[in-house]
Protein backbone atom coordinates (compact mmCIF):
# COMPACT_ATOMS: atom_id res chain seq x y z
CA UNK A 1 0.00 0.00 0.00
CA UNK A 2 1.20 3.46 -0.87
CA UNK A 3 2.25 5.74 2.00
CA UNK A 4 1.21 8.93 0.24
CA UNK A 5 3.68 11.66 1.36
CA UNK A 6 5.62 13.59 -1.28
CA UNK A 7 7.88 16.40 -0.11
CA UNK A 8 7.32 19.59 -2.12
CA UNK A 9 8.40 23.20 -1.79
CA UNK A 10 5.87 25.60 -0.37
CA UNK A 11 3.46 26.91 -3.04
CA UNK A 12 4.51 30.37 -4.24
CA UNK A 13 0.99 31.67 -4.84
CA UNK A 14 -0.04 33.91 -1.95
CA UNK A 15 -3.52 32.85 -0.92
CA UNK A 16 -5.33 31.70 2.20
CA UNK A 17 -3.88 28.18 1.83
CA UNK A 18 -0.29 29.44 2.05
CA UNK A 19 -1.18 31.54 5.09
CA UNK A 20 -2.64 28.48 6.83
CA UNK A 21 0.26 26.23 5.79
CA UNK A 22 2.83 28.61 7.24
CA UNK A 23 1.10 29.73 10.43
CA UNK A 24 3.20 28.91 13.47
CA UNK A 25 2.10 27.99 16.95
CA UNK A 26 -1.11 26.21 17.82
CA UNK A 27 -3.13 25.59 14.64
CA UNK A 28 -6.16 24.34 16.58
CA UNK A 29 -6.30 27.61 18.50
CA UNK A 30 -6.41 29.54 15.21
CA UNK A 31 -9.03 27.24 13.67
CA UNK A 32 -11.19 27.49 16.80
CA UNK A 33 -11.67 31.20 16.06
CA UNK A 34 -13.59 30.37 12.87
CA UNK A 35 -17.38 30.40 12.71
CA UNK A 36 -19.06 27.19 13.96
CA UNK A 37 -15.74 25.46 14.66
CA UNK A 38 -15.88 21.75 15.48
CA UNK A 39 -13.17 19.22 16.33
CA UNK A 40 -13.74 15.50 15.79
CA UNK A 41 -11.53 12.56 16.70
CA UNK A 42 -11.81 9.87 14.01
CA UNK A 43 -9.57 7.20 15.51
CA UNK A 44 -6.83 6.51 18.02
CA UNK A 45 -4.98 3.19 17.97
CA UNK A 46 -1.74 1.68 19.18
CA UNK A 47 -0.46 -0.04 16.05
CA UNK A 48 2.46 -1.01 13.84
CA UNK A 49 3.70 2.13 12.10
CA UNK A 50 4.46 2.48 8.39
CA UNK A 51 8.21 2.42 7.71
CA UNK A 52 8.23 6.04 6.53
CA UNK A 53 6.71 7.32 9.76
CA UNK A 54 8.97 5.15 11.88
CA UNK A 55 12.01 6.61 10.12
CA UNK A 56 10.72 10.17 10.47
CA UNK A 57 10.20 9.60 14.22
CA UNK A 58 13.80 8.35 14.43
CA UNK A 59 12.81 5.35 16.54
CA UNK A 60 13.77 1.69 16.38
CA UNK A 61 10.48 0.30 17.69
CA UNK A 62 7.85 -0.57 15.11
CA UNK A 63 4.86 0.39 17.28
CA UNK A 64 3.29 3.71 18.17
CA UNK A 65 0.04 5.49 18.85
CA UNK A 66 -1.76 6.94 15.81
CA UNK A 67 -4.48 9.56 16.29
CA UNK A 68 -6.53 10.96 13.41
CA UNK A 69 -8.75 14.06 13.77
CA UNK A 70 -10.71 16.48 11.58
CA UNK A 71 -11.21 20.22 12.09
CA UNK A 72 -14.43 21.72 10.72
CA UNK A 73 -15.88 25.22 10.32
CA UNK A 74 -19.49 25.68 9.24
CA UNK A 75 -19.66 21.92 8.54
CA UNK A 76 -16.79 22.18 6.05
CA UNK A 77 -13.87 19.83 6.66
CA UNK A 78 -10.79 22.08 6.63
CA UNK A 79 -7.86 20.19 8.14
CA UNK A 80 -7.18 16.52 8.66
CA UNK A 81 -4.48 15.84 11.23
CA UNK A 82 -2.57 12.63 11.86
CA UNK A 83 -0.50 12.44 15.03
CA UNK A 84 1.98 9.59 15.34
CA UNK A 85 3.41 9.13 18.81
CA UNK A 86 6.60 7.13 19.27
CA UNK A 87 6.46 4.02 21.41
CA UNK A 88 8.71 5.57 24.10
CA UNK A 89 6.66 8.76 24.38
CA UNK A 90 3.38 6.86 24.40
CA UNK A 91 4.48 4.62 27.27
CA UNK A 92 5.94 7.55 29.23
CA UNK A 93 2.62 9.44 29.09
CA UNK A 94 0.18 6.60 28.37
CA UNK A 95 -2.54 7.76 30.76
CA UNK A 96 -2.48 11.29 29.28
CA UNK A 97 -2.82 9.95 25.73
CA UNK A 98 -5.42 7.33 26.62
CA UNK A 99 -7.68 9.89 28.31
CA UNK A 100 -7.58 12.55 25.57
CA UNK A 101 -10.93 11.42 24.17
CA UNK A 102 -12.30 14.15 21.85
CA UNK A 103 -9.89 16.89 22.95
CA UNK A 104 -7.13 18.39 20.77
CA UNK A 105 -3.67 17.06 21.61
CA UNK A 106 -1.92 20.41 21.18
CA UNK A 107 -4.07 22.40 23.56
CA UNK A 108 -4.37 19.53 26.03
CA UNK A 109 -0.85 18.12 26.18
CA UNK A 110 1.72 19.78 23.94
CA UNK A 111 1.66 23.54 24.28
CA UNK A 112 1.71 23.49 28.09
CA UNK A 113 5.10 21.78 28.23
CA UNK A 114 8.22 23.88 28.70
CA UNK A 115 10.51 21.08 27.48
CA UNK A 116 8.75 20.74 24.11
CA UNK A 117 10.84 21.32 20.98
CA UNK A 118 9.22 21.57 17.55
CA UNK A 119 11.11 21.11 14.29
CA UNK A 120 10.67 23.31 11.23
CA UNK A 121 7.78 22.43 8.95
CA UNK A 122 8.31 20.11 6.01
CA UNK A 123 5.84 20.92 3.23
CA UNK A 124 4.44 18.43 0.78
CA UNK A 125 1.42 16.84 -0.80
CA UNK A 126 -0.43 13.74 0.22
CA UNK A 127 -2.07 11.35 -2.20
CA UNK A 128 -4.58 8.70 -1.22
CA UNK A 129 -2.75 6.10 0.84
CA UNK A 130 -2.02 5.06 4.40
CA UNK A 131 -2.16 8.63 5.73
CA UNK A 132 -5.69 9.19 4.40
CA UNK A 133 -7.25 5.74 4.96
CA UNK A 134 -9.01 6.59 8.23
CA UNK A 135 -10.47 9.80 6.78
CA UNK A 136 -11.87 8.38 3.52
CA UNK A 137 -15.14 7.29 5.11
CA UNK A 138 -15.76 10.73 6.68
CA UNK A 139 -14.62 13.22 4.03
CA UNK A 140 -14.53 13.28 0.24
CA UNK A 141 -10.81 13.71 -0.47
CA UNK A 142 -9.19 15.30 -3.52
CA UNK A 143 -6.46 13.38 -5.37
CA UNK A 144 -3.69 15.53 -3.88
CA UNK A 145 -3.80 17.42 -0.60
CA UNK A 146 -1.37 20.18 0.43
CA UNK A 147 0.17 19.30 3.78
CA UNK A 148 2.83 20.04 6.33
CA UNK A 149 4.44 17.95 9.02
CA UNK A 150 6.80 18.47 11.90
CA UNK A 151 8.38 16.61 14.79
CA UNK A 152 7.90 17.44 18.43
CA UNK A 153 10.58 16.33 20.86
CA UNK A 154 9.91 15.67 24.53
CA UNK A 155 12.42 13.94 26.84
CA UNK A 156 14.38 12.39 23.94
CA UNK A 157 11.18 10.95 22.45
CA UNK A 158 9.23 12.18 19.45
CA UNK A 159 5.82 12.60 17.95
CA UNK A 160 4.94 13.71 14.45
CA UNK A 161 1.96 15.75 13.39
CA UNK A 162 0.95 15.76 9.73
CA UNK A 163 -1.71 18.32 8.83
CA UNK A 164 -3.60 18.04 5.54
CA UNK A 165 -5.26 21.24 4.34
CA UNK A 166 -8.41 20.55 2.33
CA UNK A 167 -9.61 22.85 -0.50
CA UNK A 168 -12.30 24.57 1.63
CA UNK A 169 -9.55 26.14 3.78
CA UNK A 170 -9.11 28.67 0.95
CA UNK A 171 -12.52 30.16 1.87
CA UNK A 172 -11.26 31.17 5.31
CA UNK A 173 -8.80 33.92 6.15
CA UNK A 174 -6.41 33.35 8.99
CA UNK A 175 -7.85 35.17 12.04
């Protein structure tokens, strides 16, 4: 099965998509300012990770926690997010991850930590594949989706967040 990530340079056209792709800090906090914002957890499973994600996490274990969520505004799906938590980090904070339920991971766990280090964004496009499988039943997906991903480091362990920006994001200016 195809993984689906292709690294690409940032689009040069200045539009709402580029503004959203390059916004720093807590994306959920920015999205929550939009009209009729809604956050929805699609899945959260401890599973065997695809090779590409394992390598990006820089871990030797094959297992990790995968959490997939969708951000909506006015019933439009705007951002799909896939968080992949390394085995070490998951086991170190297992209770915190297991009790997240339908709450955003950034606002709940990440942005309150003083020892959190975030890498620069890597920009790309995602095609239908492993990254999008859990979303296909909830959202009609285009063939290619502009995306960004970055690593977060905590106590020598990592997690990766991949954010896929759907076409409707272009209808919303960054608040």
